[in-house]
Each structure stands twice: as structure tokens, then as C-alpha cells.
């Protein structure tokens, strides 16, 4: 995988990757407004197995904003997230609070380059793939990198977070 450079800055996620010198591949696709869920749109548009495309969700664990990164083909297990960070109770964060904390809009929240670094947990299924895709900070823009590099850049822990829909 070649390191992408010369993006002219790009999103904060791309800037963070370039500053870290991490190899990554950028992928873009024409986002269709009104299309949801965003992650499934990305998997289909890029022709990638949905198990390798991860969505970034912001939840509150005992009142603290926490990022969960899970495959788009699954839902987030809130109890699993709480357990992973030593908490008791988790609920999805208010979308406006998630946008303020991360600096990204819903559907384009990246685990990388967030305005305020939030505690992050990556679903352990990521380790089964050589590379995964996460939002690059804008709808229609994904970044592909190794799960180990993503975990290192976000100080993420690995834990079982996914549940069947």
C-alpha cells in the first residue's frame, strides 16, 4: 500500500495520517445525499466486503464520549463498549455533541484527526483483515490502512463490539 501524499491538506484525518507517515490508500466515491446508512453505501460504491468497512460511532459511556469503530455490516453492542472501557452504562451520543467533539459531520466522522481526542475502541474483527476502510472525514471519502496502524494512531483498544442486526 503506497503512502498517499500531496493531498494539499485534505481533511484532518488525511493530515493526521500524512504527519504520522503511515501508509494508507485513499478511496473516493460519489456520495448520494439522502442515502443511508453511509457505511453500506461506501462498501457498495467501492466494491469492498462490508466486513472490511468500519463505521465510526460516538457513544457516551458513564457520561464520557467514547468512539467505537465497528464493521458497517453489524450494530454496536453498547454493553460490550461499556465493558471494554471499564464502564457500567453506554448509550449513543447526541449527534450534535458527537459533531462538536470530533469536528466532523454525521456520516463522515473519522476516528482520525478528531478535534478532541476521544477514547477509542476498535472491534476485534478488524484484526482478521490485512487492511480496513474507515471514513477519511467526509462523506464519499474513505481511507484504507492496517488495523494496527489505526489502533496506534488513535490509541485504540481492541474488544468485541459488534452484534448482529
N, C-alpha and C. Protein backbone atom coordinates (compact mmCIF):
# COMPACT_ATOMS: atom_id res chain seq x y z
N UNK A 1 0.85 -1.17 0.00
CA UNK A 1 0.00 0.00 0.00
C UNK A 1 0.90 1.23 0.00
N UNK A 2 0.67 2.10 -0.92
CA UNK A 2 1.50 3.29 -1.03
C UNK A 2 0.99 4.38 -0.11
N UNK A 3 1.92 5.17 0.38
CA UNK A 3 1.54 6.31 1.19
C UNK A 3 0.99 7.38 0.28
N UNK A 4 -0.12 7.92 0.64
CA UNK A 4 -0.74 8.97 -0.14
C UNK A 4 -0.19 10.30 0.33
N UNK A 5 0.33 11.08 -0.55
CA UNK A 5 0.82 12.39 -0.15
C UNK A 5 0.40 13.41 -1.18
N UNK A 6 0.64 14.66 -0.86
CA UNK A 6 0.31 15.72 -1.80
C UNK A 6 -1.18 15.94 -1.93
N UNK A 7 -1.92 15.72 -0.86
CA UNK A 7 -3.36 15.94 -0.93
C UNK A 7 -3.71 17.40 -0.74
N UNK A 8 -2.68 18.23 -0.50
CA UNK A 8 -2.96 19.64 -0.29
C UNK A 8 -3.66 19.87 1.03
N UNK A 9 -3.41 19.02 2.01
CA UNK A 9 -4.03 19.19 3.31
C UNK A 9 -5.17 18.21 3.48
N UNK A 10 -6.22 18.38 2.69
CA UNK A 10 -7.35 17.47 2.82
C UNK A 10 -8.05 17.60 4.16
N UNK A 11 -8.63 16.54 4.60
CA UNK A 11 -9.35 16.53 5.86
C UNK A 11 -8.36 16.38 7.03
N UNK A 12 -8.80 16.69 8.24
CA UNK A 12 -7.92 16.47 9.39
C UNK A 12 -7.44 15.01 9.50
N UNK A 13 -8.26 14.06 9.08
CA UNK A 13 -7.85 12.65 9.11
C UNK A 13 -6.68 12.40 8.17
N UNK A 14 -6.74 12.95 6.98
CA UNK A 14 -5.66 12.78 6.00
C UNK A 14 -4.40 13.49 6.49
N UNK A 15 -4.56 14.67 7.03
CA UNK A 15 -3.42 15.41 7.57
C UNK A 15 -2.75 14.59 8.68
N UNK A 16 -3.55 13.99 9.58
CA UNK A 16 -3.00 13.19 10.67
C UNK A 16 -2.22 11.99 10.13
N UNK A 17 -2.74 11.34 9.10
CA UNK A 17 -2.05 10.20 8.51
C UNK A 17 -0.73 10.62 7.86
N UNK A 18 -0.77 11.72 7.14
CA UNK A 18 0.44 12.20 6.48
C UNK A 18 1.50 12.61 7.49
N UNK A 19 1.09 13.30 8.54
CA UNK A 19 2.04 13.72 9.58
C UNK A 19 2.68 12.52 10.26
N UNK A 20 1.89 11.46 10.44
CA UNK A 20 2.40 10.25 11.12
C UNK A 20 3.27 9.41 10.18
N UNK A 21 3.21 9.69 8.88
CA UNK A 21 3.99 8.91 7.92
C UNK A 21 3.49 7.49 7.75
N UNK A 22 2.20 7.32 7.98
CA UNK A 22 1.58 6.00 7.90
C UNK A 22 1.17 5.69 6.47
N UNK A 23 1.45 4.47 5.99
CA UNK A 23 0.99 4.11 4.65
C UNK A 23 -0.54 3.95 4.65
N UNK A 24 -1.17 4.55 3.65
CA UNK A 24 -2.62 4.43 3.51
C UNK A 24 -3.00 4.66 2.06
N UNK A 25 -4.21 4.27 1.75
CA UNK A 25 -4.76 4.46 0.42
C UNK A 25 -6.07 5.23 0.58
N UNK A 26 -6.25 6.24 -0.23
CA UNK A 26 -7.48 7.00 -0.18
C UNK A 26 -8.41 6.49 -1.28
N UNK A 27 -9.70 6.41 -0.96
CA UNK A 27 -10.71 5.97 -1.92
C UNK A 27 -11.88 6.96 -1.87
N UNK A 28 -12.32 7.40 -3.02
CA UNK A 28 -13.48 8.29 -3.04
C UNK A 28 -14.56 7.68 -3.92
N UNK A 29 -15.75 8.09 -3.66
CA UNK A 29 -16.91 7.65 -4.44
C UNK A 29 -17.94 8.76 -4.40
N UNK A 30 -18.83 8.80 -5.38
CA UNK A 30 -19.84 9.86 -5.39
C UNK A 30 -20.92 9.57 -4.34
N UNK A 31 -20.89 10.35 -3.26
CA UNK A 31 -21.90 10.20 -2.20
C UNK A 31 -23.25 10.67 -2.73
N UNK A 32 -24.27 9.87 -2.48
CA UNK A 32 -25.63 10.23 -2.87
C UNK A 32 -26.36 10.80 -1.66
N UNK A 33 -26.58 12.11 -1.61
CA UNK A 33 -27.28 12.70 -0.45
C UNK A 33 -28.61 11.98 -0.20
N UNK A 34 -28.91 11.81 1.06
CA UNK A 34 -30.14 11.13 1.45
C UNK A 34 -29.95 9.62 1.55
N UNK A 35 -28.78 9.14 1.14
CA UNK A 35 -28.51 7.71 1.22
C UNK A 35 -28.03 7.38 2.62
N UNK A 36 -28.62 6.38 3.17
CA UNK A 36 -28.16 5.90 4.49
C UNK A 36 -28.43 4.42 4.51
N UNK A 37 -27.74 3.66 5.22
CA UNK A 37 -26.59 4.02 6.04
C UNK A 37 -25.34 4.30 5.19
N UNK A 38 -24.56 5.26 5.69
CA UNK A 38 -23.40 5.73 4.93
C UNK A 38 -22.36 4.64 4.70
N UNK A 39 -22.08 3.85 5.71
CA UNK A 39 -21.06 2.80 5.59
C UNK A 39 -21.40 1.77 4.55
N UNK A 40 -22.65 1.38 4.49
CA UNK A 40 -23.08 0.41 3.48
C UNK A 40 -22.99 1.01 2.09
N UNK A 41 -23.29 2.30 1.98
CA UNK A 41 -23.13 2.99 0.71
C UNK A 41 -21.67 2.93 0.27
N UNK A 42 -20.75 3.17 1.21
CA UNK A 42 -19.32 3.15 0.90
C UNK A 42 -18.88 1.77 0.44
N UNK A 43 -19.29 0.73 1.16
CA UNK A 43 -18.90 -0.64 0.80
C UNK A 43 -19.38 -0.98 -0.60
N UNK A 44 -20.61 -0.66 -0.89
CA UNK A 44 -21.18 -0.96 -2.21
C UNK A 44 -20.48 -0.16 -3.31
N UNK A 45 -20.31 1.14 -3.08
CA UNK A 45 -19.71 2.00 -4.10
C UNK A 45 -18.26 1.61 -4.39
N UNK A 46 -17.54 1.16 -3.37
CA UNK A 46 -16.13 0.80 -3.55
C UNK A 46 -15.93 -0.67 -3.89
N UNK A 47 -17.01 -1.46 -3.85
CA UNK A 47 -16.89 -2.88 -4.15
C UNK A 47 -16.08 -3.63 -3.11
N UNK A 48 -16.22 -3.23 -1.85
CA UNK A 48 -15.46 -3.82 -0.75
C UNK A 48 -16.41 -4.61 0.15
N UNK A 49 -15.95 -5.73 0.66
CA UNK A 49 -16.73 -6.53 1.60
C UNK A 49 -17.11 -5.65 2.80
N UNK A 50 -18.40 -5.57 3.15
CA UNK A 50 -18.83 -4.74 4.29
C UNK A 50 -18.15 -5.11 5.61
N UNK A 51 -17.59 -6.30 5.71
CA UNK A 51 -16.87 -6.69 6.93
C UNK A 51 -15.55 -5.92 7.07
N UNK A 52 -15.07 -5.34 5.95
CA UNK A 52 -13.81 -4.59 5.96
C UNK A 52 -14.02 -3.08 6.01
N UNK A 53 -15.28 -2.64 5.92
CA UNK A 53 -15.58 -1.21 6.00
C UNK A 53 -16.13 -0.96 7.40
N UNK A 54 -15.48 -0.06 8.12
CA UNK A 54 -15.83 0.20 9.52
C UNK A 54 -16.44 1.58 9.68
N UNK A 55 -17.49 1.64 10.50
CA UNK A 55 -18.12 2.92 10.79
C UNK A 55 -17.62 3.42 12.14
N UNK A 56 -17.59 4.73 12.27
CA UNK A 56 -17.15 5.38 13.50
C UNK A 56 -18.38 5.92 14.21
N UNK A 57 -18.64 5.38 15.38
CA UNK A 57 -19.81 5.78 16.17
C UNK A 57 -19.34 6.42 17.47
N UNK A 58 -20.06 7.44 17.89
CA UNK A 58 -19.73 8.10 19.15
C UNK A 58 -20.83 7.78 20.15
N UNK A 59 -20.42 7.26 21.29
CA UNK A 59 -21.35 6.91 22.36
C UNK A 59 -20.90 7.61 23.63
N UNK A 60 -21.78 7.60 24.62
CA UNK A 60 -21.43 8.09 25.95
C UNK A 60 -21.35 6.89 26.86
N UNK A 61 -20.21 6.72 27.50
CA UNK A 61 -20.05 5.66 28.49
C UNK A 61 -19.91 6.34 29.84
N UNK A 62 -20.89 6.13 30.69
CA UNK A 62 -20.92 6.78 32.01
C UNK A 62 -20.68 8.28 31.88
N UNK A 63 -21.28 8.89 30.83
CA UNK A 63 -21.21 10.33 30.62
C UNK A 63 -20.00 10.82 29.86
N UNK A 64 -19.08 9.93 29.48
CA UNK A 64 -17.88 10.32 28.75
C UNK A 64 -17.99 9.89 27.29
N UNK A 65 -17.77 10.83 26.37
CA UNK A 65 -17.82 10.49 24.96
C UNK A 65 -16.72 9.49 24.62
N UNK A 66 -17.11 8.46 23.89
CA UNK A 66 -16.21 7.36 23.54
C UNK A 66 -16.49 6.95 22.10
N UNK A 67 -15.43 6.67 21.35
CA UNK A 67 -15.56 6.28 19.95
C UNK A 67 -15.53 4.76 19.84
N UNK A 68 -16.46 4.22 19.07
CA UNK A 68 -16.49 2.79 18.75
C UNK A 68 -16.36 2.66 17.24
N UNK A 69 -15.47 1.77 16.79
CA UNK A 69 -15.25 1.56 15.36
C UNK A 69 -15.63 0.12 15.08
N UNK A 70 -16.73 -0.06 14.33
CA UNK A 70 -17.29 -1.40 14.09
C UNK A 70 -17.60 -1.60 12.61
N UNK A 71 -17.64 -2.86 12.16
CA UNK A 71 -17.98 -3.10 10.75
C UNK A 71 -19.38 -2.58 10.42
N UNK A 72 -19.52 -2.04 9.21
CA UNK A 72 -20.82 -1.49 8.80
C UNK A 72 -21.89 -2.58 8.69
N UNK A 73 -21.46 -3.82 8.61
CA UNK A 73 -22.40 -4.95 8.48
C UNK A 73 -23.01 -5.34 9.82
N UNK A 74 -22.61 -4.70 10.90
CA UNK A 74 -23.09 -5.04 12.23
C UNK A 74 -23.56 -3.79 12.98
N UNK A 75 -24.21 -4.02 14.10
CA UNK A 75 -24.58 -2.95 15.02
C UNK A 75 -23.57 -2.90 16.15
N UNK A 76 -23.59 -1.81 16.88
CA UNK A 76 -22.71 -1.66 18.04
C UNK A 76 -23.36 -2.30 19.26
N UNK A 77 -22.59 -3.11 19.96
CA UNK A 77 -23.02 -3.69 21.22
C UNK A 77 -22.63 -2.69 22.32
N UNK A 78 -23.59 -1.91 22.79
CA UNK A 78 -23.31 -0.88 23.77
C UNK A 78 -22.80 -1.45 25.09
N UNK A 79 -23.32 -2.59 25.49
CA UNK A 79 -22.83 -3.22 26.73
C UNK A 79 -21.37 -3.64 26.56
N UNK A 80 -21.03 -4.15 25.37
CA UNK A 80 -19.65 -4.53 25.09
C UNK A 80 -18.72 -3.33 25.12
N UNK A 81 -19.20 -2.19 24.61
CA UNK A 81 -18.39 -0.97 24.63
C UNK A 81 -18.15 -0.52 26.06
N UNK A 82 -19.21 -0.49 26.85
CA UNK A 82 -19.06 -0.08 28.26
C UNK A 82 -18.07 -0.99 28.96
N UNK A 83 -18.20 -2.28 28.76
CA UNK A 83 -17.30 -3.25 29.39
C UNK A 83 -15.85 -3.04 28.95
N UNK A 84 -15.66 -2.74 27.66
CA UNK A 84 -14.32 -2.58 27.11
C UNK A 84 -13.55 -1.42 27.74
N UNK A 85 -14.28 -0.41 28.21
CA UNK A 85 -13.61 0.75 28.81
C UNK A 85 -13.80 0.81 30.33
N UNK A 86 -14.30 -0.27 30.90
CA UNK A 86 -14.47 -0.33 32.35
C UNK A 86 -15.65 0.48 32.85
N UNK A 87 -16.62 0.70 31.97
CA UNK A 87 -17.80 1.47 32.36
C UNK A 87 -18.98 0.58 32.69
N UNK A 88 -20.05 1.22 33.14
CA UNK A 88 -21.26 0.48 33.50
C UNK A 88 -22.36 0.62 32.47
N UNK A 89 -22.48 1.82 31.89
CA UNK A 89 -23.62 2.10 31.03
C UNK A 89 -23.18 2.90 29.81
N UNK A 90 -23.69 2.49 28.64
CA UNK A 90 -23.38 3.21 27.40
C UNK A 90 -24.66 3.49 26.64
N UNK A 91 -24.67 4.61 25.97
CA UNK A 91 -25.78 5.00 25.09
C UNK A 91 -25.19 5.80 23.94
N UNK A 92 -25.86 5.81 22.82
CA UNK A 92 -25.39 6.60 21.70
C UNK A 92 -25.38 8.07 22.09
N UNK A 93 -24.34 8.77 21.66
CA UNK A 93 -24.21 10.20 21.97
C UNK A 93 -25.19 11.00 21.12
N UNK A 94 -25.51 12.16 21.61
CA UNK A 94 -26.30 13.11 20.84
C UNK A 94 -25.49 13.46 19.59
N UNK A 95 -26.10 13.39 18.40
CA UNK A 95 -25.34 13.67 17.17
C UNK A 95 -24.63 15.03 17.18
N UNK A 96 -25.28 16.05 17.72
CA UNK A 96 -24.66 17.38 17.75
C UNK A 96 -23.43 17.37 18.66
N UNK A 97 -23.49 16.66 19.77
CA UNK A 97 -22.33 16.56 20.68
C UNK A 97 -21.19 15.80 20.00
N UNK A 98 -21.53 14.76 19.25
CA UNK A 98 -20.51 13.98 18.53
C UNK A 98 -19.84 14.86 17.47
N UNK A 99 -20.63 15.65 16.76
CA UNK A 99 -20.07 16.53 15.73
C UNK A 99 -19.17 17.60 16.34
N UNK A 100 -19.62 18.19 17.46
CA UNK A 100 -18.80 19.23 18.13
C UNK A 100 -17.47 18.65 18.61
N UNK A 101 -17.52 17.48 19.23
CA UNK A 101 -16.31 16.89 19.81
C UNK A 101 -15.32 16.43 18.75
N UNK A 102 -15.83 15.88 17.64
CA UNK A 102 -14.94 15.33 16.63
C UNK A 102 -14.55 16.33 15.55
N UNK A 103 -15.40 17.32 15.31
CA UNK A 103 -15.15 18.27 14.24
C UNK A 103 -15.62 17.78 12.88
N UNK A 104 -16.32 16.66 12.87
CA UNK A 104 -16.83 16.07 11.63
C UNK A 104 -18.36 16.03 11.64
N UNK A 105 -18.95 15.92 10.45
CA UNK A 105 -20.41 15.80 10.36
C UNK A 105 -20.81 14.33 10.38
N UNK A 106 -22.00 14.07 10.84
CA UNK A 106 -22.53 12.71 10.89
C UNK A 106 -22.46 12.09 9.50
N UNK A 107 -22.02 10.84 9.46
CA UNK A 107 -21.83 10.17 8.18
C UNK A 107 -20.43 10.35 7.63
N UNK A 108 -19.67 11.25 8.26
CA UNK A 108 -18.30 11.49 7.83
C UNK A 108 -17.34 11.53 9.02
N UNK A 109 -17.80 11.06 10.17
CA UNK A 109 -16.93 11.07 11.35
C UNK A 109 -15.83 10.04 11.17
N UNK A 110 -14.61 10.50 11.32
CA UNK A 110 -13.44 9.64 11.21
C UNK A 110 -12.88 9.40 12.60
N UNK A 111 -12.29 8.22 12.82
CA UNK A 111 -11.61 8.02 14.11
C UNK A 111 -10.29 8.78 14.17
N UNK A 112 -9.85 9.32 13.05
CA UNK A 112 -8.56 10.01 12.94
C UNK A 112 -8.74 11.52 12.86
N UNK A 113 -7.82 12.26 13.43
CA UNK A 113 -7.81 13.72 13.29
C UNK A 113 -8.99 14.42 13.93
N UNK A 114 -9.50 13.87 15.00
CA UNK A 114 -10.65 14.49 15.66
C UNK A 114 -10.23 15.76 16.40
N UNK A 115 -11.15 16.69 16.49
CA UNK A 115 -10.91 17.96 17.17
C UNK A 115 -10.48 17.72 18.61
N UNK A 116 -11.18 16.83 19.28
CA UNK A 116 -10.85 16.46 20.65
C UNK A 116 -10.61 14.96 20.66
N UNK A 117 -9.45 14.54 21.07
CA UNK A 117 -9.14 13.10 21.05
C UNK A 117 -10.01 12.38 22.07
N UNK A 118 -10.82 11.47 21.57
CA UNK A 118 -11.72 10.71 22.42
C UNK A 118 -11.19 9.29 22.61
N UNK A 119 -11.51 8.72 23.73
CA UNK A 119 -11.16 7.31 23.99
C UNK A 119 -11.78 6.49 22.85
N UNK A 120 -11.00 5.55 22.30
CA UNK A 120 -11.42 4.81 21.12
C UNK A 120 -11.27 3.31 21.33
N UNK A 121 -12.28 2.57 20.85
CA UNK A 121 -12.24 1.11 20.90
C UNK A 121 -12.55 0.60 19.50
N UNK A 122 -11.72 -0.31 19.01
CA UNK A 122 -11.84 -0.88 17.68
C UNK A 122 -12.32 -2.32 17.81
N UNK A 123 -13.35 -2.67 17.06
CA UNK A 123 -13.87 -4.04 17.12
C UNK A 123 -12.76 -5.02 16.77
N UNK A 124 -12.68 -6.09 17.55
CA UNK A 124 -11.58 -7.05 17.37
C UNK A 124 -11.61 -7.78 16.03
N UNK A 125 -12.72 -7.75 15.31
CA UNK A 125 -12.76 -8.38 13.99
C UNK A 125 -11.83 -7.69 13.00
N UNK A 126 -11.45 -6.45 13.29
CA UNK A 126 -10.54 -5.72 12.40
C UNK A 126 -9.23 -6.47 12.24
N UNK A 127 -8.81 -7.16 13.29
CA UNK A 127 -7.54 -7.88 13.26
C UNK A 127 -7.53 -9.03 12.25
N UNK A 128 -8.68 -9.45 11.78
CA UNK A 128 -8.75 -10.56 10.84
C UNK A 128 -8.53 -10.11 9.39
N UNK A 129 -8.37 -8.80 9.18
CA UNK A 129 -8.20 -8.25 7.83
C UNK A 129 -6.83 -7.58 7.71
N UNK A 130 -6.17 -7.74 6.57
CA UNK A 130 -4.89 -7.05 6.39
C UNK A 130 -5.05 -5.53 6.40
N UNK A 131 -6.15 -5.05 5.81
CA UNK A 131 -6.47 -3.62 5.82
C UNK A 131 -7.96 -3.46 6.03
N UNK A 132 -8.33 -2.29 6.56
CA UNK A 132 -9.74 -1.94 6.72
C UNK A 132 -9.96 -0.53 6.17
N UNK A 133 -11.21 -0.20 5.96
CA UNK A 133 -11.58 1.13 5.47
C UNK A 133 -12.33 1.86 6.59
N UNK A 134 -11.98 3.13 6.80
CA UNK A 134 -12.71 3.99 7.72
C UNK A 134 -12.92 5.33 7.02
N UNK A 135 -13.83 6.12 7.54
CA UNK A 135 -14.08 7.42 6.96
C UNK A 135 -12.82 8.28 7.02
N UNK A 136 -12.60 9.03 5.96
CA UNK A 136 -11.47 9.96 5.92
C UNK A 136 -11.91 11.36 6.35
N UNK A 137 -13.13 11.46 6.89
CA UNK A 137 -13.59 12.74 7.41
C UNK A 137 -14.56 13.49 6.55
N UNK A 138 -15.05 12.83 5.51
CA UNK A 138 -16.04 13.45 4.63
C UNK A 138 -16.85 12.34 3.99
N UNK A 139 -18.12 12.56 3.82
CA UNK A 139 -18.96 11.58 3.13
C UNK A 139 -18.41 11.42 1.72
N UNK A 140 -18.26 10.15 1.31
CA UNK A 140 -17.72 9.88 -0.02
C UNK A 140 -16.21 9.75 -0.06
N UNK A 141 -15.57 9.76 1.11
CA UNK A 141 -14.12 9.65 1.17
C UNK A 141 -13.74 8.66 2.27
N UNK A 142 -13.04 7.60 1.86
CA UNK A 142 -12.62 6.55 2.80
C UNK A 142 -11.11 6.42 2.74
N UNK A 143 -10.54 5.97 3.84
CA UNK A 143 -9.11 5.71 3.89
C UNK A 143 -8.93 4.24 4.26
N UNK A 144 -7.99 3.60 3.60
CA UNK A 144 -7.68 2.19 3.84
C UNK A 144 -6.31 2.11 4.50
N UNK A 145 -6.24 1.41 5.64
CA UNK A 145 -4.99 1.25 6.36
C UNK A 145 -5.04 -0.02 7.18
N UNK A 146 -3.93 -0.39 7.77
CA UNK A 146 -3.92 -1.61 8.58
C UNK A 146 -4.61 -1.33 9.92
N UNK A 147 -5.25 -2.35 10.49
CA UNK A 147 -5.88 -2.18 11.80
C UNK A 147 -4.86 -1.77 12.88
N UNK A 148 -3.64 -2.31 12.79
CA UNK A 148 -2.61 -1.97 13.77
C UNK A 148 -2.25 -0.49 13.71
N UNK A 149 -2.13 0.06 12.49
CA UNK A 149 -1.81 1.49 12.35
C UNK A 149 -2.95 2.35 12.88
N UNK A 150 -4.20 1.96 12.58
CA UNK A 150 -5.34 2.72 13.09
C UNK A 150 -5.35 2.70 14.61
N UNK A 151 -5.14 1.54 15.19
CA UNK A 151 -5.12 1.43 16.65
C UNK A 151 -3.99 2.27 17.25
N UNK A 152 -2.83 2.25 16.63
CA UNK A 152 -1.70 3.02 17.15
C UNK A 152 -1.98 4.53 17.08
N UNK A 153 -2.54 4.99 15.97
CA UNK A 153 -2.79 6.43 15.80
C UNK A 153 -3.89 6.96 16.70
N UNK A 154 -4.83 6.11 17.07
CA UNK A 154 -5.96 6.55 17.89
C UNK A 154 -5.85 6.08 19.34
N UNK A 155 -4.77 5.37 19.65
CA UNK A 155 -4.59 4.77 20.99
C UNK A 155 -5.78 3.88 21.33
N UNK A 156 -6.28 3.18 20.32
CA UNK A 156 -7.47 2.34 20.49
C UNK A 156 -7.15 1.00 21.13
N UNK A 157 -8.10 0.54 21.90
CA UNK A 157 -8.07 -0.82 22.42
C UNK A 157 -8.88 -1.68 21.45
N UNK A 158 -8.59 -2.96 21.39
CA UNK A 158 -9.39 -3.90 20.61
C UNK A 158 -10.32 -4.63 21.57
N UNK A 159 -11.58 -4.79 21.19
CA UNK A 159 -12.55 -5.51 22.01
C UNK A 159 -13.70 -5.95 21.12
N UNK A 160 -14.44 -6.98 21.53
CA UNK A 160 -15.62 -7.39 20.77
C UNK A 160 -16.75 -6.36 20.95
N UNK A 161 -17.08 -5.65 19.88
CA UNK A 161 -18.08 -4.58 19.94
C UNK A 161 -19.28 -4.80 19.03
N UNK A 162 -19.18 -5.78 18.14
CA UNK A 162 -20.22 -5.92 17.12
C UNK A 162 -21.29 -6.91 17.59
N UNK A 163 -22.49 -6.63 17.09
CA UNK A 163 -23.58 -7.59 17.29
C UNK A 163 -24.38 -7.63 16.01
N UNK A 164 -25.00 -8.77 15.79
CA UNK A 164 -25.82 -8.94 14.58
C UNK A 164 -26.99 -7.99 14.62
N UNK A 165 -27.41 -7.57 13.46
CA UNK A 165 -28.58 -6.67 13.40
C UNK A 165 -29.84 -7.46 13.52
